[in-house]
């Protein structure tokens, strides 16, 4: 009797410990997608049933009819040069916009893909070890992490192998296929918490107790219309014995049974349960769940699923020749200051590539892949701020990397600084989008560049925006954040934004910004940002950081700075510009579909 073919559930493909190859690829799923999408297009399959099916495969409906967004999961952002080439090839063949978009969950999304092409695209990406499995739907979404994990000073140990095992344990897990809502997980690398664990459903921070590796486990965070910071469920959970998997599964089993949450999908996240009963009562539920028979039926051992990859062994040898900057090297020096970080391993650095709006063309994807082959340990990681971190770059090669990135128009300084603006796709593709957050991103970025900000404290300000209140652009935790809204003017409507001031996510501190009592027309938002920045620079105390200034002067003073910008606008020929959103060419109207986040 011949064995089942590779890629079936009976004989899954072997787990390869190669960055970017975390999620096992099942060929059968591609066959199923072909079959089901063909049936749907032929009218033989109900729309609702097909939507649930394709969401699990990471294929999401857009506001534009008959096209899809394909979301490829990159666990903790890991990606190889071959995979970037595969993205470039797939985008050229199947993606009308000719770009891939890095998201605030370290995924890469491709938009406006016709359904028959989506089936071909996920199959071809699968050949490179890339998976969109459970990229959407009420599942375990992409597991995010610190893009510099394994290279940082002060690291107790590298969390990466355990994050990989977590991904492998829960993908296709029967308990996590149709939960009340999605679950977002993050693994921090250090107490600095660059993974922003407090805004996640489930999150882990490395700890060591009596020589044993473990994590602090947090449950019940999230942004959107009900922002909550995740409280600590357990101060210490062991890793190597699989306890962190066991306790997470207990949490998911409890969450999955809360049928009262399924009634209102907008408020069906695990944070709603934790908020309602409190973390202590939730912990009691977890303790009771761990007494269940199911525990003995599971294998929580990390053997076979631990993601072990020695990046250092693949690090480049010292270069035979070293290029150095000639003449005016201020641009390069600024790049080193803002984008380059020394690794704890002597002689190596990480280099952050600042990616405007998170968008990369096929040529840029191929260019980065070549830079990786020439100068890195063979793997890069995307970041939650929509950039790319190159790892294991020889210190002597940083200048060569900067020059090579310059040829791709990707060597701007200022990664994670004020000009590195973050946004979700908004109305460019999202059904829930109200405004063009990508267009506003570009407009604010241009204004900030024009301002030529040299002040160190001002450069530390973070600006983020979302096209609706849900917060995919993480506006809640920005120093200056915005979410999309509208202003009614008779029969007409103006695209607008609600500002937030004073959010934070760095150095282990996470706090949500204060919502201002102001509604700014979209076309006036860059001016508002400029005024607030100049207000801060002129009125702050010596050495006072932006959030300390916000706390001292209060929200009313920020509102006063833009009061005239919130004044009503009459619909007229000379004011027509206000009634058209950024990067759009027709009058604005609120068109909000039923989002598929909660299907």
Protein backbone atom coordinates (compact mmCIF):
# COMPACT_ATOMS: atom_id res chain seq x y z
CA UNK A 1 0.00 0.00 0.00
CA UNK A 2 1.54 3.34 -1.00
CA UNK A 3 1.71 6.11 1.55
CA UNK A 4 -0.35 9.29 1.29
CA UNK A 5 1.28 11.91 -0.90
CA UNK A 6 3.38 14.61 0.68
CA UNK A 7 1.34 17.62 1.64
CA UNK A 8 -1.76 15.75 2.76
CA UNK A 9 -2.88 15.80 6.39
CA UNK A 10 -1.83 12.16 6.78
CA UNK A 11 1.63 12.93 5.45
CA UNK A 12 2.33 16.63 5.92
CA UNK A 13 5.43 18.12 4.45
CA UNK A 14 8.45 17.91 6.71
CA UNK A 15 8.94 20.93 8.93
CA UNK A 16 12.02 22.71 7.66
CA UNK A 17 13.95 24.88 10.06
CA UNK A 18 14.50 27.61 7.52
CA UNK A 19 13.33 31.20 8.16
CA UNK A 20 10.07 31.80 6.37
CA UNK A 21 9.24 28.07 6.30
CA UNK A 22 7.45 27.93 9.64
CA UNK A 23 3.95 26.93 8.53
CA UNK A 24 3.82 23.49 6.87
CA UNK A 25 2.38 23.69 3.35
CA UNK A 26 -0.43 21.31 2.47
CA UNK A 27 -0.87 20.84 -1.27
CA UNK A 28 -4.35 19.51 -0.64
CA UNK A 29 -5.47 22.94 0.53
CA UNK A 30 -4.52 24.48 -2.79
CA UNK A 31 -6.50 21.76 -4.59
CA UNK A 32 -9.47 22.49 -2.31
CA UNK A 33 -9.19 26.22 -2.99
CA UNK A 34 -9.20 25.61 -6.75
CA UNK A 35 -12.24 23.37 -6.42
CA UNK A 36 -14.23 25.62 -4.09
CA UNK A 37 -13.47 28.86 -5.95
CA UNK A 38 -14.47 27.18 -9.23
CA UNK A 39 -17.74 26.00 -7.64
CA UNK A 40 -18.38 29.49 -6.24
CA UNK A 41 -17.73 31.20 -9.58
CA UNK A 42 -20.06 28.68 -11.24
CA UNK A 43 -22.81 29.51 -8.73
CA UNK A 44 -22.69 26.08 -7.12
CA UNK A 45 -21.55 27.26 -3.69
CA UNK A 46 -23.27 29.74 -1.35
CA UNK A 47 -21.43 33.02 -0.85
CA UNK A 48 -21.32 32.84 2.97
CA UNK A 49 -19.90 29.33 2.97
CA UNK A 50 -17.25 30.24 0.43
CA UNK A 51 -16.28 33.40 2.34
CA UNK A 52 -15.58 31.38 5.50
CA UNK A 53 -13.58 28.89 3.47
CA UNK A 54 -11.42 31.46 1.65
CA UNK A 55 -10.77 33.54 4.78
CA UNK A 56 -9.10 30.54 6.41
CA UNK A 57 -6.87 30.42 3.34
CA UNK A 58 -5.92 34.08 3.84
CA UNK A 59 -7.97 35.43 0.91
CA UNK A 60 -10.06 38.47 1.90
CA UNK A 61 -12.78 40.34 0.02
CA UNK A 62 -12.18 43.99 -0.86
CA UNK A 63 -14.49 46.99 -1.19
CA UNK A 64 -13.92 46.72 -4.96
CA UNK A 65 -16.09 43.97 -6.49
CA UNK A 66 -14.66 40.70 -7.88
CA UNK A 67 -11.14 41.20 -6.52
CA UNK A 68 -9.42 39.85 -3.42
CA UNK A 69 -6.66 40.71 -1.01
CA UNK A 70 -4.22 37.86 -0.40
CA UNK A 71 -2.54 38.00 3.01
CA UNK A 72 0.60 35.91 3.41
CA UNK A 73 1.62 35.19 6.99
CA UNK A 74 5.24 35.78 7.93
CA UNK A 75 5.58 34.43 11.49
CA UNK A 76 7.59 37.01 13.50
CA UNK A 77 8.29 38.66 10.12
CA UNK A 78 10.83 36.08 8.93
CA UNK A 79 11.47 35.87 5.19
CA UNK A 80 14.24 34.55 2.92
CA UNK A 81 15.72 36.01 -0.29
CA UNK A 82 14.07 33.25 -2.38
CA UNK A 83 10.71 34.13 -0.85
CA UNK A 84 11.08 37.83 -1.66
CA UNK A 85 11.80 36.75 -5.25
CA UNK A 86 8.66 34.59 -5.17
CA UNK A 87 6.63 37.60 -3.99
CA UNK A 88 8.12 39.68 -6.82
CA UNK A 89 7.25 37.03 -9.43
CA UNK A 90 3.72 36.54 -8.08
CA UNK A 91 3.06 40.29 -7.90
CA UNK A 92 4.19 40.79 -11.50
CA UNK A 93 1.96 37.99 -12.73
CA UNK A 94 -1.19 38.42 -10.65
CA UNK A 95 -1.31 41.74 -8.75
CA UNK A 96 -2.66 44.72 -10.76
CA UNK A 97 -1.18 47.33 -8.39
CA UNK A 98 2.30 45.81 -8.86
CA UNK A 99 3.20 46.08 -5.19
CA UNK A 100 3.27 44.13 -1.96
CA UNK A 101 2.25 45.83 1.29
CA UNK A 102 3.89 45.15 4.68
CA UNK A 103 1.23 45.30 7.39
CA UNK A 104 1.34 46.25 11.05
CA UNK A 105 1.21 42.49 11.76
CA UNK A 106 4.38 41.74 9.78
CA UNK A 107 2.38 40.11 6.95
CA UNK A 108 2.71 40.90 3.26
CA UNK A 109 -0.57 41.65 1.51
CA UNK A 110 -1.35 41.86 -2.18
CA UNK A 111 -4.48 43.69 -3.32
CA UNK A 112 -6.97 43.73 -6.22
CA UNK A 113 -6.31 40.10 -7.23
CA UNK A 114 -9.12 38.45 -9.26
CA UNK A 115 -10.33 35.23 -7.59
CA UNK A 116 -9.01 32.77 -10.22
CA UNK A 117 -5.61 34.48 -9.96
CA UNK A 118 -5.72 34.34 -6.13
CA UNK A 119 -5.88 30.54 -6.36
CA UNK A 120 -2.82 30.47 -8.64
CA UNK A 121 -0.96 33.04 -6.53
CA UNK A 122 -1.26 31.18 -3.20
CA UNK A 123 -0.21 27.94 -4.90
CA UNK A 124 2.91 29.51 -6.44
CA UNK A 125 3.84 31.25 -3.18
CA UNK A 126 3.36 27.91 -1.43
CA UNK A 127 6.11 26.45 -3.60
CA UNK A 128 8.46 28.94 -1.88
CA UNK A 129 7.26 27.81 1.55
CA UNK A 130 4.99 30.84 2.02
CA UNK A 131 1.58 30.29 3.58
CA UNK A 132 -1.59 32.36 3.77
CA UNK A 133 -3.27 29.71 5.93
CA UNK A 134 -5.41 31.41 8.62
CA UNK A 135 -4.24 34.82 7.50
CA UNK A 136 -7.89 35.91 7.88
CA UNK A 137 -11.00 34.53 9.60
CA UNK A 138 -11.69 33.75 13.27
CA UNK A 139 -8.37 31.98 13.67
CA UNK A 140 -4.89 32.37 15.14
CA UNK A 141 -3.59 35.26 13.07
CA UNK A 142 0.05 35.94 12.24
CA UNK A 143 2.26 35.59 15.31
CA UNK A 144 4.38 38.73 15.60
CA UNK A 145 7.65 39.37 17.36
CA UNK A 146 10.65 41.62 17.82
CA UNK A 147 12.43 41.74 14.44
CA UNK A 148 15.81 41.84 16.22
CA UNK A 149 15.18 38.81 18.48
CA UNK A 150 18.37 36.82 18.85
CA UNK A 151 20.65 39.84 18.33
CA UNK A 152 19.77 42.14 21.23
CA UNK A 153 21.78 43.22 24.25
CA UNK A 154 20.11 42.11 27.49
CA UNK A 155 18.32 39.15 25.91
CA UNK A 156 17.83 36.28 28.37
CA UNK A 157 17.61 33.86 25.43
CA UNK A 158 16.32 33.90 21.84
CA UNK A 159 12.53 33.59 21.90
CA UNK A 160 12.37 32.78 18.15
CA UNK A 161 12.40 28.94 18.40
CA UNK A 162 9.48 29.02 20.83
CA UNK A 163 7.47 31.47 18.72
CA UNK A 164 7.97 29.11 15.76
CA UNK A 165 6.75 26.12 17.79
CA UNK A 166 3.66 28.11 18.85
CA UNK A 167 2.82 28.87 15.21
CA UNK A 168 3.23 25.23 14.22
CA UNK A 169 1.17 23.97 17.15
CA UNK A 170 -1.85 26.18 16.51
CA UNK A 171 -2.04 26.35 12.70
CA UNK A 172 -4.91 24.09 11.54
CA UNK A 173 -5.64 23.28 15.21
CA UNK A 174 -9.29 22.14 15.52
CA UNK A 175 -10.03 24.50 18.44
CA UNK A 176 -8.87 27.62 16.60
CA UNK A 177 -10.68 27.34 13.26
CA UNK A 178 -13.98 29.06 14.09
CA UNK A 179 -13.57 30.97 17.36
CA UNK A 180 -15.89 33.87 18.25
CA UNK A 181 -13.24 36.19 16.73
CA UNK A 182 -9.60 36.32 15.65
CA UNK A 183 -6.72 35.97 18.12
CA UNK A 184 -3.52 38.00 17.77
CA UNK A 185 -0.34 36.81 19.49
CA UNK A 186 3.02 38.50 20.08
CA UNK A 187 6.35 37.34 21.50
CA UNK A 188 8.61 40.03 22.96
CA UNK A 189 12.38 39.45 22.95
CA UNK A 190 13.26 41.59 25.98
CA UNK A 191 11.62 43.71 28.69
CA UNK A 192 11.83 46.61 26.20
CA UNK A 193 8.82 44.89 24.61
CA UNK A 194 9.28 45.96 20.99
CA UNK A 195 6.49 43.50 20.13
CA UNK A 196 3.98 45.74 22.02
CA UNK A 197 2.54 42.77 23.94
CA UNK A 198 -0.01 44.80 25.90
CA UNK A 199 -2.21 45.38 22.82
CA UNK A 200 -2.53 41.64 22.05
CA UNK A 201 -5.07 38.91 22.79
CA UNK A 202 -2.24 36.60 23.91
CA UNK A 203 1.38 37.63 24.48
CA UNK A 204 4.63 36.47 26.02
CA UNK A 205 7.70 38.16 27.54
CA UNK A 206 10.85 36.07 28.23
CA UNK A 207 11.72 35.26 31.85
CA UNK A 208 14.22 32.92 33.53
CA UNK A 209 13.51 31.41 36.94
CA UNK A 210 16.07 29.15 38.67
CA UNK A 211 17.78 28.56 35.34
CA UNK A 212 14.50 27.51 33.67
CA UNK A 213 13.33 29.33 30.55
CA UNK A 214 9.83 30.72 30.70
CA UNK A 215 7.57 33.64 29.85
CA UNK A 216 5.25 36.09 31.51
CA UNK A 217 1.90 35.45 29.83
CA UNK A 218 -0.55 38.27 29.12
CA UNK A 219 -4.12 37.81 27.87
CA UNK A 220 -6.91 40.19 26.87
CA UNK A 221 -5.44 43.24 25.17
CA UNK A 222 -6.61 44.94 21.98
CA UNK A 223 -7.30 48.30 20.34
CA UNK A 224 -10.28 49.12 18.07
CA UNK A 225 -13.49 50.54 19.56
CA UNK A 226 -12.75 49.13 23.03
CA UNK A 227 -9.03 49.61 23.73
CA UNK A 228 -7.71 47.47 26.58
CA UNK A 229 -4.20 46.68 27.83
CA UNK A 230 -3.57 42.97 28.36
CA UNK A 231 -3.25 42.08 32.06
CA UNK A 232 -0.84 39.38 33.25
CA UNK A 233 -2.41 35.92 33.45
CA UNK A 234 0.71 34.24 34.85
CA UNK A 235 4.01 35.79 35.94
CA UNK A 236 5.90 32.67 34.86
CA UNK A 237 5.00 29.84 32.49
CA UNK A 238 7.58 27.26 31.43
CA UNK A 239 8.58 27.00 27.77
CA UNK A 240 10.63 23.85 27.23
CA UNK A 241 8.02 21.53 28.75
CA UNK A 242 5.30 22.99 26.48
CA UNK A 243 3.32 24.61 29.31
CA UNK A 244 2.93 27.84 27.31
CA UNK A 245 1.17 25.85 24.55
CA UNK A 246 -1.01 24.00 27.04
CA UNK A 247 -2.15 27.14 28.86
CA UNK A 248 -2.79 28.97 25.57
CA UNK A 249 -4.91 26.06 24.37
CA UNK A 250 -6.88 26.15 27.64
CA UNK A 251 -7.53 29.88 27.02
CA UNK A 252 -8.65 29.18 23.45
CA UNK A 253 -10.99 26.37 24.53
CA UNK A 254 -12.64 28.69 27.05
CA UNK A 255 -12.89 31.50 24.50
CA UNK A 256 -14.33 29.17 21.85
CA UNK A 257 -17.21 28.16 24.17
CA UNK A 258 -18.37 31.72 24.91
CA UNK A 259 -21.40 31.67 22.63
CA UNK A 260 -22.64 34.97 24.11
CA UNK A 261 -19.67 36.63 22.42
CA UNK A 262 -20.78 35.38 18.99
CA UNK A 263 -23.97 37.48 19.13
CA UNK A 264 -22.17 40.79 18.54
CA UNK A 265 -19.17 40.13 16.34
CA UNK A 266 -17.87 43.69 16.77
CA UNK A 267 -17.36 42.92 20.48
CA UNK A 268 -16.37 39.28 20.35
CA UNK A 269 -12.66 39.44 21.20
CA UNK A 270 -11.18 37.65 24.19
CA UNK A 271 -10.54 41.08 25.78
CA UNK A 272 -14.33 41.47 26.22
CA UNK A 273 -14.49 38.28 28.30
CA UNK A 274 -11.42 39.23 30.38
CA UNK A 275 -12.76 42.77 30.83
CA UNK A 276 -16.16 41.49 31.95
CA UNK A 277 -15.08 38.90 34.52
CA UNK A 278 -11.58 40.14 35.41
CA UNK A 279 -8.23 38.43 35.01
CA UNK A 280 -8.48 36.59 38.36
CA UNK A 281 -11.78 34.94 37.44
CA UNK A 282 -10.39 34.14 34.00
CA UNK A 283 -7.34 32.51 35.64
CA UNK A 284 -9.70 30.34 37.72
CA UNK A 285 -11.43 29.23 34.50
CA UNK A 286 -8.03 28.35 33.02
CA UNK A 287 -7.06 26.33 36.13
CA UNK A 288 -10.33 24.39 35.90
CA UNK A 289 -9.85 23.82 32.16
CA UNK A 290 -6.38 22.38 32.77
CA UNK A 291 -8.02 19.62 34.85
CA UNK A 292 -9.91 18.38 31.78
CA UNK A 293 -9.40 15.04 30.01
CA UNK A 294 -8.29 16.83 26.83
CA UNK A 295 -4.88 17.57 28.39
CA UNK A 296 -3.85 13.89 28.37
CA UNK A 297 -4.95 13.60 24.73
CA UNK A 298 -2.50 16.27 23.57
CA UNK A 299 1.23 16.25 22.91
CA UNK A 300 2.69 19.53 24.15
CA UNK A 301 6.26 18.42 23.57
CA UNK A 302 8.34 20.83 21.50
CA UNK A 303 10.17 17.97 19.83
CA UNK A 304 9.68 18.23 16.09
CA UNK A 305 8.05 21.69 16.18
CA UNK A 306 10.74 23.83 17.83
CA UNK A 307 12.08 26.24 15.22
CA UNK A 308 15.86 25.89 15.44
CA UNK A 309 17.95 27.84 12.95
CA UNK A 310 21.51 29.00 13.47
CA UNK A 311 21.59 32.35 11.72
CA UNK A 312 25.11 33.05 12.92
CA UNK A 313 26.38 29.98 11.07
CA UNK A 314 25.08 31.56 7.85
CA UNK A 315 26.50 35.01 8.58
CA UNK A 316 28.81 36.44 5.91
CA UNK A 317 32.60 36.25 6.25
CA UNK A 318 34.50 39.53 6.67
CA UNK A 319 34.63 41.31 3.29
CA UNK A 320 37.94 41.34 1.42
CA UNK A 321 37.53 45.00 0.50
CA UNK A 322 35.70 47.68 2.44
CA UNK A 323 34.04 50.74 0.89
CA UNK A 324 34.01 53.97 2.88
CA UNK A 325 32.18 57.22 2.24
CA UNK A 326 34.07 60.02 0.47
CA UNK A 327 33.43 63.73 0.96
CA UNK A 328 30.13 64.75 2.55
CA UNK A 329 28.94 61.73 4.49
CA UNK A 330 26.19 63.40 6.52
CA UNK A 331 23.40 61.39 4.88
CA UNK A 332 25.15 58.12 5.61
CA UNK A 333 25.96 59.20 9.17
CA UNK A 334 22.28 60.05 9.74
CA UNK A 335 21.30 56.63 8.34
CA UNK A 336 23.72 54.87 10.72
CA UNK A 337 22.35 56.87 13.64
CA UNK A 338 18.69 56.05 12.96
CA UNK A 339 18.58 52.77 11.02
CA UNK A 340 21.59 50.76 12.22
CA UNK A 341 21.81 48.96 15.55
CA UNK A 342 24.82 47.04 16.86
CA UNK A 343 24.11 43.39 17.60
CA UNK A 344 25.27 41.80 20.86
CA UNK A 345 27.42 39.60 18.64
CA UNK A 346 30.60 41.67 18.03
CA UNK A 347 31.21 42.74 14.44
CA UNK A 348 27.57 42.59 13.32
CA UNK A 349 24.67 45.05 13.03
CA UNK A 350 21.03 45.06 12.06
CA UNK A 351 20.01 47.52 9.34
CA UNK A 352 16.42 48.76 9.16
CA UNK A 353 15.07 49.54 5.69
CA UNK A 354 12.53 52.37 5.85
CA UNK A 355 9.69 51.38 3.49
CA UNK A 356 7.34 54.31 2.64
CA UNK A 357 3.75 53.29 3.48
CA UNK A 358 4.95 49.68 3.67
CA UNK A 359 4.79 49.30 -0.13
CA UNK A 360 7.42 47.41 -2.14
CA UNK A 361 7.57 46.96 -5.93
CA UNK A 362 8.80 43.72 -7.54
CA UNK A 363 12.13 45.41 -8.39
CA UNK A 364 12.55 46.52 -4.78
CA UNK A 365 11.68 43.05 -3.47
CA UNK A 366 14.28 41.49 -5.77
CA UNK A 367 16.78 44.19 -4.86
CA UNK A 368 16.37 43.53 -1.12
CA UNK A 369 16.70 39.79 -1.74
CA UNK A 370 20.04 40.40 -3.50
CA UNK A 371 21.26 42.65 -0.67
CA UNK A 372 20.35 39.83 1.74
CA UNK A 373 22.32 37.26 -0.26
CA UNK A 374 25.34 39.56 -0.48
CA UNK A 375 25.46 40.98 3.03
CA UNK A 376 23.27 39.16 5.64
CA UNK A 377 22.83 35.86 7.44
CA UNK A 378 20.24 34.90 4.85
CA UNK A 379 17.04 36.06 6.56
CA UNK A 380 15.27 39.37 7.09
CA UNK A 381 12.27 40.27 9.19
CA UNK A 382 9.46 42.67 8.51
CA UNK A 383 8.42 44.97 11.36
CA UNK A 384 5.09 46.06 12.86
CA UNK A 385 5.99 49.57 11.67
CA UNK A 386 5.97 48.34 8.05
CA UNK A 387 9.74 48.24 7.54
CA UNK A 388 12.30 45.48 6.90
CA UNK A 389 15.19 44.61 9.24
CA UNK A 390 18.30 43.08 7.68
CA UNK A 391 20.18 40.95 10.22
CA UNK A 392 23.77 39.78 10.62
CA UNK A 393 25.25 42.52 8.46
CA UNK A 394 29.02 42.88 8.94
CA UNK A 395 29.82 46.30 10.41
CA UNK A 396 32.31 46.86 7.57
CA UNK A 397 29.54 46.25 5.00
CA UNK A 398 26.98 48.77 6.30
CA UNK A 399 28.10 51.45 3.82
CA UNK A 400 27.81 48.99 0.90
CA UNK A 401 24.32 48.04 2.09
CA UNK A 402 23.34 51.72 2.28
CA UNK A 403 24.55 52.32 -1.27
CA UNK A 404 22.78 49.20 -2.58
CA UNK A 405 19.54 50.28 -0.87
CA UNK A 406 20.00 53.74 -2.44
CA UNK A 407 19.78 52.20 -5.89
CA UNK A 408 16.38 50.82 -4.83
CA UNK A 409 15.32 54.24 -3.40
CA UNK A 410 15.16 52.61 0.03
CA UNK A 411 18.08 54.14 1.93
CA UNK A 412 16.27 56.98 3.71
CA UNK A 413 17.34 57.68 7.28
CA UNK A 414 14.78 58.11 10.06
CA UNK A 415 13.45 54.58 10.59
CA UNK A 416 10.82 54.68 13.37
CA UNK A 417 11.18 58.45 13.61
CA UNK A 418 8.64 61.20 12.91
CA UNK A 419 8.84 60.94 9.09
CA UNK A 420 8.32 57.15 9.23
CA UNK A 421 4.52 57.45 9.17
CA UNK A 422 2.42 54.27 9.61
CA UNK A 423 -1.04 53.61 8.15
CA UNK A 424 -3.43 50.81 7.21
CA UNK A 425 -4.62 50.52 3.56
CA UNK A 426 -7.92 52.35 4.31
CA UNK A 427 -10.23 52.90 1.34
CA UNK A 428 -7.55 51.79 -1.10
CA UNK A 429 -8.88 48.29 -0.48
CA UNK A 430 -10.59 47.71 2.88
CA UNK A 431 -14.36 47.23 3.04
CA UNK A 432 -14.46 48.90 6.47
CA UNK A 433 -12.34 51.87 5.40
CA UNK A 434 -13.92 55.32 5.65
CA UNK A 435 -10.97 57.43 4.46
CA UNK A 436 -7.81 57.13 2.36
CA UNK A 437 -5.33 56.63 5.21
CA UNK A 438 -2.58 55.75 2.71
CA UNK A 439 -3.14 59.06 0.94
CA UNK A 440 -3.00 60.95 4.22
CA UNK A 441 0.17 59.06 5.15
CA UNK A 442 1.85 60.36 2.01
CA UNK A 443 0.61 63.93 2.59
CA UNK A 444 1.80 64.03 6.22
CA UNK A 445 5.14 62.48 5.28
CA UNK A 446 5.67 65.16 2.61
CA UNK A 447 4.80 67.93 5.07
CA UNK A 448 7.16 66.57 7.75
CA UNK A 449 10.01 66.26 5.23
CA UNK A 450 9.41 69.89 4.15
CA UNK A 451 9.66 70.95 7.79
CA UNK A 452 13.29 69.68 7.88
CA UNK A 453 13.05 68.59 11.51
CA UNK A 454 16.49 68.44 13.07
CA UNK A 455 15.48 68.49 16.73
CA UNK A 456 16.29 65.17 18.46
CA UNK A 457 13.23 65.14 20.73
CA UNK A 458 10.85 66.07 17.92
CA UNK A 459 12.24 63.32 15.71
CA UNK A 460 11.18 60.78 18.35
CA UNK A 461 7.48 61.57 17.79
CA UNK A 462 5.49 58.76 16.14
CA UNK A 463 2.58 59.49 13.75
CA UNK A 464 0.10 56.75 12.80
CA UNK A 465 -3.34 56.65 11.21
CA UNK A 466 -6.19 54.25 10.48
CA UNK A 467 -8.89 54.61 7.87
CA UNK A 468 -11.62 53.77 10.42
CA UNK A 469 -11.95 53.41 14.23
CA UNK A 470 -10.73 49.79 14.22
CA UNK A 471 -7.11 50.71 14.50
CA UNK A 472 -5.18 48.53 12.04
CA UNK A 473 -2.80 51.49 11.69
CA UNK A 474 -2.29 51.39 15.50
CA UNK A 475 -3.28 55.06 15.87
CA UNK A 476 -4.17 54.47 19.54
CA UNK A 477 -0.51 54.07 20.57
CA UNK A 478 0.98 56.89 18.48
CA UNK A 479 2.14 60.19 19.97
CA UNK A 480 -0.06 61.74 17.27
CA UNK A 481 -2.70 59.39 15.87
CA UNK A 482 -5.78 59.69 13.66
CA UNK A 483 -8.70 57.54 12.61
CA UNK A 484 -10.98 58.08 9.64
CA UNK A 485 -14.40 59.69 9.99
CA UNK A 486 -16.59 62.12 8.05
CA UNK A 487 -18.29 65.51 8.31
CA UNK A 488 -21.77 66.05 6.88
CA UNK A 489 -22.37 69.29 4.96
CA UNK A 490 -25.97 69.27 3.78
CA UNK A 491 -26.18 66.60 1.09
CA UNK A 492 -22.40 66.41 0.84
CA UNK A 493 -19.70 64.79 2.97
CA UNK A 494 -16.12 65.73 3.82
CA UNK A 495 -13.50 63.07 4.63
CA UNK A 496 -12.22 63.72 8.14
CA UNK A 497 -10.10 62.41 11.01
CA UNK A 498 -10.45 62.21 14.78
CA UNK A 499 -7.07 62.90 16.45
CA UNK A 500 -5.48 61.14 19.43
CA UNK A 501 -2.56 62.61 21.37
CA UNK A 502 -0.04 61.05 23.75
CA UNK A 503 0.00 57.33 23.01
CA UNK A 504 3.14 55.27 23.68
CA UNK A 505 4.58 51.83 22.97
CA UNK A 506 8.33 52.01 23.64
CA UNK A 507 10.58 50.90 26.48
CA UNK A 508 8.00 48.52 27.91
CA UNK A 509 5.44 51.32 28.44
CA UNK A 510 2.21 51.05 26.48
CA UNK A 511 -0.54 53.63 26.81
CA UNK A 512 -3.44 54.71 24.66
CA UNK A 513 -3.60 58.29 23.46
CA UNK A 514 -6.33 60.75 24.50
CA UNK A 515 -9.01 61.37 21.93
CA UNK A 516 -9.34 65.08 21.20
CA UNK A 517 -12.68 66.87 20.85
CA UNK A 518 -11.94 67.79 17.26
CA UNK A 519 -12.92 66.55 13.82
CA UNK A 520 -10.43 67.65 11.18
CA UNK A 521 -11.14 67.67 7.45
CA UNK A 522 -8.66 65.25 5.84
CA UNK A 523 -7.05 68.00 3.76
CA UNK A 524 -6.30 70.02 6.91
CA UNK A 525 -4.63 67.20 8.87
CA UNK A 526 -1.02 67.85 7.69
CA UNK A 527 -1.39 71.48 8.81
CA UNK A 528 -2.67 70.28 12.21
CA UNK A 529 0.34 67.97 12.60
CA UNK A 530 2.71 70.84 11.76
CA UNK A 531 1.04 73.15 14.27
CA UNK A 532 1.21 70.57 17.07
CA UNK A 533 4.88 69.85 16.37
CA UNK A 534 5.76 73.57 16.37
CA UNK A 535 3.59 74.12 19.50
CA UNK A 536 5.57 71.39 21.27
CA UNK A 537 8.93 72.77 20.14
CA UNK A 538 8.14 76.34 21.22
CA UNK A 539 6.41 75.64 24.57
CA UNK A 540 8.17 72.59 26.02
CA UNK A 541 10.48 72.65 29.01
CA UNK A 542 14.16 71.81 28.62
CA UNK A 543 14.50 68.14 27.62
CA UNK A 544 10.73 67.53 27.94
CA UNK A 545 9.56 64.65 25.75
CA UNK A 546 6.36 64.95 23.74
CA UNK A 547 4.11 62.83 25.98
CA UNK A 548 5.31 64.60 29.12
CA UNK A 549 4.41 67.86 27.37
CA UNK A 550 0.95 66.45 26.48
CA UNK A 551 0.38 65.51 30.12
CA UNK A 552 1.48 68.93 31.35
CA UNK A 553 -0.47 71.18 28.98
CA UNK A 554 -3.52 68.92 28.55
CA UNK A 555 -5.70 68.10 25.54
CA UNK A 556 -7.52 71.46 25.53
CA UNK A 557 -4.38 73.32 24.49
CA UNK A 558 -3.91 70.93 21.57
CA UNK A 559 -7.53 71.44 20.56
CA UNK A 560 -7.07 75.22 20.73
CA UNK A 561 -4.11 75.03 18.31
CA UNK A 562 -6.37 73.62 15.56
CA UNK A 563 -9.74 75.16 16.43
CA UNK A 564 -9.91 77.15 13.20
CA UNK A 565 -9.11 73.99 11.19
CA UNK A 566 -12.27 72.33 12.53
CA UNK A 567 -14.57 75.16 11.40
CA UNK A 568 -17.37 74.25 8.99
CA UNK A 569 -16.73 74.33 5.25
CA UNK A 570 -19.43 75.32 2.76
CA UNK A 571 -19.87 73.24 -0.35
CA UNK A 572 -18.75 75.43 -3.25
CA UNK A 573 -16.56 75.32 -6.32
CA UNK A 574 -13.59 76.93 -4.58
CA UNK A 575 -13.93 74.55 -1.60
CA UNK A 576 -14.34 71.44 -3.74
CA UNK A 577 -10.88 70.17 -2.77
CA UNK A 578 -12.07 69.52 0.81
CA UNK A 579 -14.81 67.23 -0.47
CA UNK A 580 -12.32 64.96 -2.28
CA UNK A 581 -10.11 62.61 -0.27
CA UNK A 582 -6.32 62.39 -0.57
CA UNK A 583 -5.16 60.62 -3.79
CA UNK A 584 -8.78 60.39 -5.01
CA UNK A 585 -10.36 62.32 -7.89
CA UNK A 586 -14.09 62.12 -7.23
CA UNK A 587 -16.30 63.58 -4.47
CA UNK A 588 -16.04 61.71 -1.17
CA UNK A 589 -18.82 59.49 0.10
CA UNK A 590 -18.88 57.06 2.99
CA UNK A 591 -19.13 53.57 1.51
CA UNK A 592 -18.66 51.03 4.27
CA UNK A 593 -19.26 47.41 3.52
CA UNK A 594 -19.64 44.52 5.90
CA UNK A 595 -16.08 43.79 6.96
CA UNK A 596 -14.95 40.20 6.77
CA UNK A 597 -12.82 40.45 9.92
CA UNK A 598 -15.70 38.90 11.85
CA UNK A 599 -17.21 36.49 9.33
